[in-house]
Amino acid sequence: VIVLVGLPARGKSFIGRKLQSFLTWTGHACKIFNVGRYRRQAYSQIVAKTRDSDTERAEVGACDASFFDDNNSETSALREHVAELALRDMIQWLDQEDADDSSV
């Protein structure tokens, strides 16, 4: 498991895709679990239900700085939930890979 963390727009996704390409090329099973994608999807679903004034921006899952404010309990809970979803998907994928490897 390789985890990339850092400030927005610093190349984490780019480096992750390059690593995935290289590791796949060398014969290793590899998958990217991007918490940002989970967040954008969850946030756009919430906005679709509320249909507030900034819907065009929110339909693509774009969040303003208030979304990442620790004092905002609603968005804090959503951030934690999407991180758990990504972690659960990763563990499920790893378990499946272990099962595939042991069945050979």
N, C-alpha and C. Protein backbone atom coordinates (compact mmCIF):
# COMPACT_ATOMS: atom_id res chain seq x y z
N VAL A 1 0.85 -1.17 0.00
CA VAL A 1 0.00 0.00 0.00
C VAL A 1 0.89 1.23 0.00
N ILE A 2 0.63 2.12 -0.94
CA ILE A 2 1.32 3.40 -1.02
C ILE A 2 0.27 4.48 -0.82
N VAL A 3 0.51 5.39 0.11
CA VAL A 3 -0.43 6.47 0.39
C VAL A 3 0.24 7.80 0.06
N LEU A 4 -0.44 8.61 -0.74
CA LEU A 4 0.06 9.93 -1.09
C LEU A 4 -0.84 10.97 -0.43
N VAL A 5 -0.25 11.87 0.33
CA VAL A 5 -1.00 12.94 0.98
C VAL A 5 -0.29 14.27 0.73
N GLY A 6 -1.04 15.34 0.75
CA GLY A 6 -0.43 16.65 0.57
C GLY A 6 -1.45 17.70 0.19
N LEU A 7 -0.96 18.88 -0.04
CA LEU A 7 -1.83 19.99 -0.40
C LEU A 7 -2.46 19.76 -1.76
N PRO A 8 -3.61 20.41 -2.02
CA PRO A 8 -4.27 20.27 -3.33
C PRO A 8 -3.37 20.74 -4.47
N ALA A 9 -3.55 20.10 -5.61
CA ALA A 9 -2.89 20.49 -6.86
C ALA A 9 -1.37 20.44 -6.77
N ARG A 10 -0.86 19.42 -6.10
CA ARG A 10 0.59 19.28 -5.98
C ARG A 10 1.12 18.05 -6.72
N GLY A 11 0.23 17.32 -7.42
CA GLY A 11 0.67 16.21 -8.25
C GLY A 11 0.47 14.83 -7.67
N LYS A 12 -0.31 14.70 -6.61
CA LYS A 12 -0.52 13.39 -5.99
C LYS A 12 -1.19 12.42 -6.97
N SER A 13 -2.24 12.87 -7.63
CA SER A 13 -2.95 12.01 -8.58
C SER A 13 -2.06 11.66 -9.77
N PHE A 14 -1.30 12.62 -10.25
CA PHE A 14 -0.40 12.40 -11.37
C PHE A 14 0.65 11.35 -11.00
N ILE A 15 1.28 11.51 -9.85
CA ILE A 15 2.30 10.55 -9.39
C ILE A 15 1.67 9.19 -9.16
N GLY A 16 0.46 9.18 -8.59
CA GLY A 16 -0.25 7.91 -8.36
C GLY A 16 -0.50 7.16 -9.65
N ARG A 17 -0.95 7.87 -10.68
CA ARG A 17 -1.19 7.21 -11.97
C ARG A 17 0.11 6.71 -12.60
N LYS A 18 1.18 7.48 -12.46
CA LYS A 18 2.48 7.04 -12.98
C LYS A 18 2.96 5.79 -12.24
N LEU A 19 2.81 5.78 -10.91
CA LEU A 19 3.18 4.60 -10.12
C LEU A 19 2.34 3.39 -10.53
N GLN A 20 1.04 3.61 -10.70
CA GLN A 20 0.16 2.52 -11.10
C GLN A 20 0.59 1.96 -12.46
N SER A 21 0.89 2.83 -13.38
CA SER A 21 1.33 2.39 -14.71
C SER A 21 2.60 1.56 -14.63
N PHE A 22 3.57 2.04 -13.87
CA PHE A 22 4.84 1.33 -13.74
C PHE A 22 4.65 -0.02 -13.04
N LEU A 23 3.92 -0.02 -11.93
CA LEU A 23 3.73 -1.26 -11.18
C LEU A 23 2.94 -2.29 -11.98
N THR A 24 1.95 -1.83 -12.73
CA THR A 24 1.20 -2.74 -13.59
C THR A 24 2.10 -3.29 -14.69
N TRP A 25 2.93 -2.45 -15.25
CA TRP A 25 3.86 -2.86 -16.30
C TRP A 25 4.84 -3.92 -15.78
N THR A 26 5.24 -3.81 -14.52
CA THR A 26 6.17 -4.78 -13.95
C THR A 26 5.47 -6.02 -13.42
N GLY A 27 4.14 -6.11 -13.62
CA GLY A 27 3.42 -7.33 -13.27
C GLY A 27 2.76 -7.34 -11.90
N HIS A 28 2.69 -6.19 -11.25
CA HIS A 28 2.05 -6.12 -9.93
C HIS A 28 0.61 -5.65 -10.07
N ALA A 29 -0.28 -6.25 -9.30
CA ALA A 29 -1.66 -5.79 -9.26
C ALA A 29 -1.67 -4.44 -8.55
N CYS A 30 -2.39 -3.50 -9.11
CA CYS A 30 -2.36 -2.15 -8.56
C CYS A 30 -3.69 -1.47 -8.81
N LYS A 31 -4.16 -0.71 -7.84
CA LYS A 31 -5.41 0.03 -7.98
C LYS A 31 -5.31 1.32 -7.18
N ILE A 32 -5.89 2.38 -7.71
CA ILE A 32 -5.88 3.68 -7.04
C ILE A 32 -7.23 3.89 -6.35
N PHE A 33 -7.18 4.31 -5.09
CA PHE A 33 -8.37 4.68 -4.33
C PHE A 33 -8.22 6.15 -3.96
N ASN A 34 -8.83 7.01 -4.74
CA ASN A 34 -8.68 8.45 -4.59
C ASN A 34 -9.84 8.98 -3.73
N VAL A 35 -9.54 9.37 -2.50
CA VAL A 35 -10.57 9.86 -1.58
C VAL A 35 -11.24 11.10 -2.15
N GLY A 36 -10.52 11.89 -2.92
CA GLY A 36 -11.11 13.07 -3.55
C GLY A 36 -12.25 12.71 -4.48
N ARG A 37 -12.12 11.62 -5.19
CA ARG A 37 -13.21 11.18 -6.07
C ARG A 37 -14.43 10.75 -5.26
N TYR A 38 -14.20 10.04 -4.17
CA TYR A 38 -15.31 9.65 -3.30
C TYR A 38 -15.99 10.91 -2.76
N ARG A 39 -15.20 11.89 -2.33
CA ARG A 39 -15.73 13.13 -1.78
C ARG A 39 -16.55 13.89 -2.81
N ARG A 40 -16.00 14.04 -4.02
CA ARG A 40 -16.73 14.78 -5.05
C ARG A 40 -18.05 14.11 -5.38
N GLN A 41 -18.06 12.80 -5.45
CA GLN A 41 -19.30 12.07 -5.74
C GLN A 41 -20.32 12.26 -4.62
N ALA A 42 -19.89 12.10 -3.38
CA ALA A 42 -20.80 12.25 -2.24
C ALA A 42 -21.31 13.68 -2.15
N TYR A 43 -20.45 14.66 -2.35
CA TYR A 43 -20.84 16.06 -2.24
C TYR A 43 -21.82 16.43 -3.34
N SER A 44 -21.59 15.97 -4.54
CA SER A 44 -22.51 16.29 -5.64
C SER A 44 -23.88 15.66 -5.41
N GLN A 45 -23.95 14.49 -4.77
CA GLN A 45 -25.24 13.88 -4.45
C GLN A 45 -25.98 14.68 -3.40
N ILE A 46 -25.27 15.21 -2.41
CA ILE A 46 -25.90 16.02 -1.38
C ILE A 46 -26.44 17.30 -1.99
N VAL A 47 -25.67 17.94 -2.86
CA VAL A 47 -26.10 19.18 -3.48
C VAL A 47 -27.28 18.94 -4.41
N ALA A 48 -27.29 17.79 -5.08
CA ALA A 48 -28.41 17.46 -5.96
C ALA A 48 -29.71 17.40 -5.17
N LYS A 49 -29.64 16.98 -3.93
CA LYS A 49 -30.84 16.91 -3.08
C LYS A 49 -31.28 18.29 -2.62
N THR A 50 -30.32 19.17 -2.32
CA THR A 50 -30.66 20.48 -1.78
C THR A 50 -30.85 21.53 -2.87
N ARG A 51 -30.16 21.39 -3.99
CA ARG A 51 -30.25 22.33 -5.11
C ARG A 51 -30.08 23.78 -4.68
N ASP A 52 -28.96 24.05 -4.04
CA ASP A 52 -28.71 25.44 -3.64
C ASP A 52 -28.18 26.25 -4.83
N SER A 53 -27.84 27.50 -4.59
CA SER A 53 -27.51 28.43 -5.68
C SER A 53 -26.22 28.09 -6.42
N ASP A 54 -25.34 27.36 -5.82
CA ASP A 54 -24.04 27.07 -6.45
C ASP A 54 -24.03 25.67 -7.06
N THR A 55 -25.14 25.26 -7.68
CA THR A 55 -25.28 23.88 -8.13
C THR A 55 -24.35 23.53 -9.28
N GLU A 56 -24.10 24.47 -10.20
CA GLU A 56 -23.23 24.13 -11.33
C GLU A 56 -21.85 23.71 -10.85
N ARG A 57 -21.30 24.45 -9.94
CA ARG A 57 -19.98 24.13 -9.38
C ARG A 57 -20.05 22.83 -8.58
N ALA A 58 -21.12 22.65 -7.83
CA ALA A 58 -21.24 21.50 -6.95
C ALA A 58 -21.57 20.23 -7.72
N GLU A 59 -22.16 20.34 -8.91
CA GLU A 59 -22.49 19.14 -9.68
C GLU A 59 -21.24 18.35 -10.04
N VAL A 60 -20.12 19.01 -10.16
CA VAL A 60 -18.87 18.31 -10.42
C VAL A 60 -18.14 17.98 -9.13
N GLY A 61 -18.75 18.34 -8.00
CA GLY A 61 -18.18 18.00 -6.70
C GLY A 61 -17.18 19.00 -6.18
N ALA A 62 -17.10 20.16 -6.81
CA ALA A 62 -16.15 21.16 -6.34
C ALA A 62 -16.63 21.74 -5.02
N CYS A 63 -15.73 21.84 -4.07
CA CYS A 63 -16.06 22.34 -2.74
C CYS A 63 -15.27 23.60 -2.45
N ASP A 64 -15.88 24.51 -1.71
CA ASP A 64 -15.14 25.68 -1.30
C ASP A 64 -14.40 25.39 0.00
N ALA A 65 -13.65 26.36 0.49
CA ALA A 65 -12.81 26.15 1.68
C ALA A 65 -13.62 25.79 2.91
N SER A 66 -14.87 26.26 2.99
CA SER A 66 -15.68 25.95 4.17
C SER A 66 -15.95 24.45 4.31
N PHE A 67 -15.89 23.72 3.20
CA PHE A 67 -16.09 22.27 3.27
C PHE A 67 -15.02 21.60 4.12
N PHE A 68 -13.82 22.16 4.12
CA PHE A 68 -12.69 21.57 4.84
C PHE A 68 -12.48 22.19 6.23
N ASP A 69 -13.42 23.03 6.66
CA ASP A 69 -13.33 23.67 7.98
C ASP A 69 -13.65 22.64 9.06
N ASP A 70 -12.73 22.45 10.00
CA ASP A 70 -12.93 21.49 11.09
C ASP A 70 -14.10 21.86 11.99
N ASN A 71 -14.48 23.13 12.01
CA ASN A 71 -15.61 23.57 12.84
C ASN A 71 -16.96 23.25 12.22
N ASN A 72 -16.98 22.85 10.96
CA ASN A 72 -18.22 22.49 10.28
C ASN A 72 -18.45 20.99 10.50
N SER A 73 -19.32 20.66 11.44
CA SER A 73 -19.50 19.26 11.83
C SER A 73 -20.13 18.42 10.72
N GLU A 74 -21.01 19.02 9.91
CA GLU A 74 -21.66 18.27 8.84
C GLU A 74 -20.65 17.82 7.78
N THR A 75 -19.82 18.75 7.34
CA THR A 75 -18.84 18.39 6.31
C THR A 75 -17.71 17.55 6.90
N SER A 76 -17.41 17.76 8.16
CA SER A 76 -16.40 16.93 8.82
C SER A 76 -16.84 15.47 8.84
N ALA A 77 -18.12 15.25 9.14
CA ALA A 77 -18.66 13.89 9.14
C ALA A 77 -18.63 13.29 7.74
N LEU A 78 -18.93 14.10 6.73
CA LEU A 78 -18.90 13.62 5.35
C LEU A 78 -17.47 13.27 4.94
N ARG A 79 -16.51 14.10 5.31
CA ARG A 79 -15.11 13.81 4.98
C ARG A 79 -14.67 12.50 5.62
N GLU A 80 -15.05 12.30 6.86
CA GLU A 80 -14.69 11.06 7.55
C GLU A 80 -15.37 9.86 6.90
N HIS A 81 -16.62 10.03 6.51
CA HIS A 81 -17.37 8.94 5.87
C HIS A 81 -16.74 8.52 4.55
N VAL A 82 -16.37 9.49 3.71
CA VAL A 82 -15.79 9.12 2.41
C VAL A 82 -14.40 8.50 2.59
N ALA A 83 -13.66 8.93 3.60
CA ALA A 83 -12.37 8.30 3.87
C ALA A 83 -12.57 6.84 4.28
N GLU A 84 -13.61 6.58 5.08
CA GLU A 84 -13.92 5.21 5.48
C GLU A 84 -14.35 4.37 4.29
N LEU A 85 -15.13 4.97 3.36
CA LEU A 85 -15.54 4.24 2.16
C LEU A 85 -14.33 3.83 1.33
N ALA A 86 -13.41 4.77 1.14
CA ALA A 86 -12.21 4.46 0.36
C ALA A 86 -11.38 3.38 1.05
N LEU A 87 -11.25 3.48 2.37
CA LEU A 87 -10.49 2.48 3.12
C LEU A 87 -11.15 1.11 3.03
N ARG A 88 -12.48 1.08 3.15
CA ARG A 88 -13.20 -0.19 3.05
C ARG A 88 -13.04 -0.82 1.67
N ASP A 89 -13.14 0.00 0.62
CA ASP A 89 -12.94 -0.51 -0.74
C ASP A 89 -11.52 -1.04 -0.93
N MET A 90 -10.54 -0.33 -0.36
CA MET A 90 -9.16 -0.77 -0.48
C MET A 90 -8.95 -2.11 0.23
N ILE A 91 -9.49 -2.25 1.44
CA ILE A 91 -9.33 -3.50 2.19
C ILE A 91 -10.02 -4.64 1.45
N GLN A 92 -11.20 -4.37 0.90
CA GLN A 92 -11.91 -5.39 0.14
C GLN A 92 -11.09 -5.82 -1.07
N TRP A 93 -10.49 -4.86 -1.77
CA TRP A 93 -9.67 -5.18 -2.94
C TRP A 93 -8.44 -5.98 -2.53
N LEU A 94 -7.80 -5.58 -1.43
CA LEU A 94 -6.63 -6.32 -0.95
C LEU A 94 -6.99 -7.75 -0.55
N ASP A 95 -8.13 -7.91 0.12
CA ASP A 95 -8.58 -9.26 0.49
C ASP A 95 -8.84 -10.10 -0.75
N GLN A 96 -9.44 -9.49 -1.78
CA GLN A 96 -9.70 -10.21 -3.02
C GLN A 96 -8.39 -10.61 -3.71
N GLU A 97 -7.41 -9.70 -3.69
CA GLU A 97 -6.12 -10.01 -4.28
C GLU A 97 -5.44 -11.16 -3.55
N ASP A 98 -5.55 -11.19 -2.21
CA ASP A 98 -4.99 -12.29 -1.42
C ASP A 98 -5.66 -13.61 -1.79
N ALA A 99 -6.98 -13.58 -1.96
CA ALA A 99 -7.72 -14.79 -2.32
C ALA A 99 -7.32 -15.26 -3.72
N ASP A 100 -7.15 -14.33 -4.64
CA ASP A 100 -6.72 -14.69 -5.99
C ASP A 100 -5.34 -15.29 -6.00
N ASP A 101 -4.42 -14.73 -5.20
CA ASP A 101 -3.05 -15.23 -5.14
C ASP A 101 -2.99 -16.63 -4.52
N SER A 102 -3.82 -16.88 -3.51
CA SER A 102 -3.75 -18.17 -2.82
C SER A 102 -4.45 -19.27 -3.59
N SER A 103 -5.27 -18.91 -4.58
CA SER A 103 -5.99 -19.94 -5.32
C SER A 103 -5.19 -20.49 -6.49
N VAL A 104 -4.02 -19.96 -6.73
CA VAL A 104 -3.21 -20.41 -7.88
C VAL A 104 -2.61 -21.78 -7.61
